[in-house]
C-alpha atoms as a PDB file:
ATOM      1  CA  MET A   1      -0.959 -11.446  22.776  1.00  0.00           C
ATOM      2  CA  ARG A   2       1.942 -13.826  23.099  1.00  0.00           C
ATOM      3  CA  ILE A   3      -0.077 -16.808  21.918  1.00  0.00           C
ATOM      4  CA  THR A   4      -1.289 -14.860  18.909  1.00  0.00           C
ATOM      5  CA  LEU A   5       2.201 -13.650  18.064  1.00  0.00           C
ATOM      6  CA  THR A   6       3.700 -17.105  18.625  1.00  0.00           C
ATOM      7  CA  GLU A   7       1.174 -18.569  16.189  1.00  0.00           C
ATOM      8  CA  LEU A   8       2.011 -16.115  13.556  1.00  0.00           C
ATOM      9  CA  VAL A   9       5.712 -16.912  13.815  1.00  0.00           C
ATOM     10  CA  ASP A  10       4.941 -20.625  13.823  1.00  0.00           C
ATOM     11  CA  LEU A  11       2.963 -20.128  10.515  1.00  0.00           C
ATOM     12  CA  LYS A  12       5.769 -18.193   9.058  1.00  0.00           C
ATOM     13  CA  ALA A  13       3.398 -15.246   8.677  1.00  0.00           C
ATOM     14  CA  ALA A  14       5.542 -12.977  10.846  1.00  0.00           C
ATOM     15  CA  THR A  15       9.081 -12.571  12.053  1.00  0.00           C
ATOM     16  CA  ILE A  16       9.790 -10.927  15.316  1.00  0.00           C
ATOM     17  CA  ARG A  17      13.020  -9.390  16.298  1.00  0.00           C
ATOM     18  CA  GLN A  18      13.919  -6.899  18.848  1.00  0.00           C
ATOM     19  CA  LEU A  19      15.488  -3.527  17.912  1.00  0.00           C
ATOM     20  CA  GLN A  20      17.534  -1.476  20.259  1.00  0.00           C
ATOM     21  CA  LEU A  21      16.671   2.111  19.274  1.00  0.00           C
ATOM     22  CA  PRO A  22      18.897   4.741  20.813  1.00  0.00           C
ATOM     23  CA  ASP A  23      17.551   8.341  21.415  1.00  0.00           C
ATOM     24  CA  ALA A  24      17.732   9.962  18.051  1.00  0.00           C
ATOM     25  CA  HIS A  25      16.045  12.780  16.178  1.00  0.00           C
ATOM     26  CA  PRO A  26      14.713  12.565  12.692  1.00  0.00           C
ATOM     27  CA  THR A  27      15.618  15.244  10.212  1.00  0.00           C
ATOM     28  CA  HIS A  28      12.698  15.158   7.723  1.00  0.00           C
ATOM     29  CA  PRO A  29      10.205  18.040   8.216  1.00  0.00           C
ATOM     30  CA  ALA A  30       7.175  15.587   7.956  1.00  0.00           C
ATOM     31  CA  ALA A  31       8.687  13.631  10.794  1.00  0.00           C
ATOM     32  CA  HIS A  32       8.961  16.734  12.935  1.00  0.00           C
ATOM     33  CA  GLU A  33       5.404  17.599  12.124  1.00  0.00           C
ATOM     34  CA  ALA A  34       4.330  14.133  13.198  1.00  0.00           C
ATOM     35  CA  LEU A  35       6.072  14.522  16.495  1.00  0.00           C
ATOM     36  CA  ASN A  36       4.155  17.659  17.301  1.00  0.00           C
ATOM     37  CA  ARG A  37       1.311  15.352  18.459  1.00  0.00           C
ATOM     38  CA  TRP A  38       3.128  14.885  21.729  1.00  0.00           C
ATOM     39  CA  SER A  39       4.690  17.281  24.281  1.00  0.00           C
ATOM     40  CA  ASP A  40       8.479  17.597  24.447  1.00  0.00           C
ATOM     41  CA  THR A  41       8.571  15.532  27.577  1.00  0.00           C
ATOM     42  CA  SER A  42       6.305  12.704  26.356  1.00  0.00           C
ATOM     43  CA  PRO A  43       7.807   9.146  26.314  1.00  0.00           C
ATOM     44  CA  LEU A  44       5.740   8.518  23.252  1.00  0.00           C
ATOM     45  CA  ARG A  45       7.415  11.466  21.480  1.00  0.00           C
ATOM     46  CA  ARG A  46      10.827  10.073  22.463  1.00  0.00           C
ATOM     47  CA  ALA A  47       9.926   6.554  21.195  1.00  0.00           C
ATOM     48  CA  ALA A  48       8.431   7.980  17.930  1.00  0.00           C
ATOM     49  CA  ALA A  49      11.506  10.022  17.265  1.00  0.00           C
ATOM     50  CA  ALA A  50      13.837   7.121  17.686  1.00  0.00           C
ATOM     51  CA  VAL A  51      11.804   4.951  15.307  1.00  0.00           C
ATOM     52  CA  LEU A  52      11.406   7.690  12.693  1.00  0.00           C
ATOM     53  CA  ALA A  53      15.164   8.343  12.826  1.00  0.00           C
ATOM     54  CA  HIS A  54      15.710   4.577  12.358  1.00  0.00           C
ATOM     55  CA  LEU A  55      13.346   4.499   9.310  1.00  0.00           C
ATOM     56  CA  GLU A  56      15.165   7.503   7.868  1.00  0.00           C
ATOM     57  CA  ALA A  57      18.469   5.774   8.249  1.00  0.00           C
ATOM     58  CA  ALA A  58      17.062   2.756   6.500  1.00  0.00           C
ATOM     59  CA  SER A  59      15.756   5.033   3.627  1.00  0.00           C
ATOM     60  CA  CYS A  60      12.138   4.200   4.260  1.00  0.00           C
ATOM     61  CA  PRO A  61       9.857   6.746   2.470  1.00  0.00           C
ATOM     62  CA  LEU A  62       7.824   8.615   5.136  1.00  0.00           C
ATOM     63  CA  ASP A  63       4.744   8.824   2.847  1.00  0.00           C
ATOM     64  CA  SER A  64       4.241   5.184   3.432  1.00  0.00           C
ATOM     65  CA  VAL A  65       4.533   5.226   7.246  1.00  0.00           C
ATOM     66  CA  HIS A  66       1.623   5.440   9.673  1.00  0.00           C
ATOM     67  CA  LEU A  67       2.759   6.385  13.126  1.00  0.00           C
ATOM     68  CA  HIS A  68       0.423   5.478  16.025  1.00  0.00           C
ATOM     69  CA  GLY A  69      -2.599   5.431  13.555  1.00  0.00           C
ATOM     70  CA  GLU A  70      -1.866   8.635  11.639  1.00  0.00           C
ATOM     71  CA  PRO A  71       0.123   9.040   8.352  1.00  0.00           C
ATOM     72  CA  VAL A  72       3.496  10.770   8.865  1.00  0.00           C
ATOM     73  CA  SER A  73       3.357  12.766   5.545  1.00  0.00           C
ATOM     74  CA  GLY A  74       0.668  13.513   3.174  1.00  0.00           C
ATOM     75  CA  SER A  75      -3.096  13.365   3.611  1.00  0.00           C
ATOM     76  CA  ARG A  76      -4.753  10.845   5.726  1.00  0.00           C
ATOM     77  CA  TYR A  77      -6.970  10.157   2.573  1.00  0.00           C
ATOM     78  CA  SER A  78      -3.965   9.792   0.274  1.00  0.00           C
ATOM     79  CA  ASP A  79      -3.831   6.920  -2.305  1.00  0.00           C
ATOM     80  CA  THR A  80      -0.501   5.931  -0.940  1.00  0.00           C
ATOM     81  CA  ALA A  81      -0.724   2.481   0.459  1.00  0.00           C
ATOM     82  CA  ARG A  82       0.492   2.043   4.026  1.00  0.00           C
ATOM     83  CA  GLN A  83       3.636  -0.023   3.957  1.00  0.00           C
ATOM     84  CA  THR A  84       4.956   0.500   7.564  1.00  0.00           C
ATOM     85  CA  GLY A  85       2.802   0.777  10.628  1.00  0.00           C
ATOM     86  CA  ILE A  86       4.265   1.920  13.868  1.00  0.00           C
ATOM     87  CA  GLY A  87       2.102   1.262  16.909  1.00  0.00           C
ATOM     88  CA  LEU A  88       3.138   2.598  20.379  1.00  0.00           C
ATOM     89  CA  GLY A  89       0.759   0.382  22.218  1.00  0.00           C
ATOM     90  CA  TRP A  90      -1.206  -2.824  21.945  1.00  0.00           C
ATOM     91  CA  SER A  91      -4.605  -1.391  21.209  1.00  0.00           C
ATOM     92  CA  HIS A  92      -4.887  -2.781  17.737  1.00  0.00           C
ATOM     93  CA  TYR A  93      -2.816  -6.025  18.101  1.00  0.00           C
ATOM     94  CA  ARG A  94      -5.866  -8.195  17.232  1.00  0.00           C
ATOM     95  CA  SER A  95      -5.771  -6.720  13.636  1.00  0.00           C
ATOM     96  CA  ILE A  96      -2.152  -7.838  13.076  1.00  0.00           C
ATOM     97  CA  SER A  97      -3.270 -10.860  10.908  1.00  0.00           C
ATOM     98  CA  HIS A  98      -5.480  -8.595   8.828  1.00  0.00           C
ATOM     99  CA  HIS A  99      -2.517  -6.215   8.229  1.00  0.00           C
ATOM    100  CA  LEU A 100      -0.183  -8.979   7.333  1.00  0.00           C
ATOM    101  CA  GLN A 101      -2.692 -10.357   4.769  1.00  0.00           C
ATOM    102  CA  GLU A 102      -2.628  -6.901   3.095  1.00  0.00           C
ATOM    103  CA  GLY A 103       1.149  -7.028   2.942  1.00  0.00           C
ATOM    104  CA  THR A 104       1.901  -4.364   5.478  1.00  0.00           C
ATOM    105  CA  ASP A 105       4.703  -4.395   8.097  1.00  0.00           C
END
């Protein structure tokens, strides 16, 4: 993974930066609905809540966000192009180059 990510950075195809996301709770109803995938005690729910609150603060439209493979708001068959993808694991890291070519984050 590190080699692939380093190559993407070297090619100027990606920028990597670390974000410190404090515990936070999003306010948008669609964000709350998306969080219902996990139990209240799940670390994934905690991470997802922090990142969704961060995106809300940055005025990112939630209808363009895919959280852990699922859209946050709207139908999964929506015409809305995915702009921001949030993965909570490395299961799809091999498709990073593909997503970058499609202009996604």
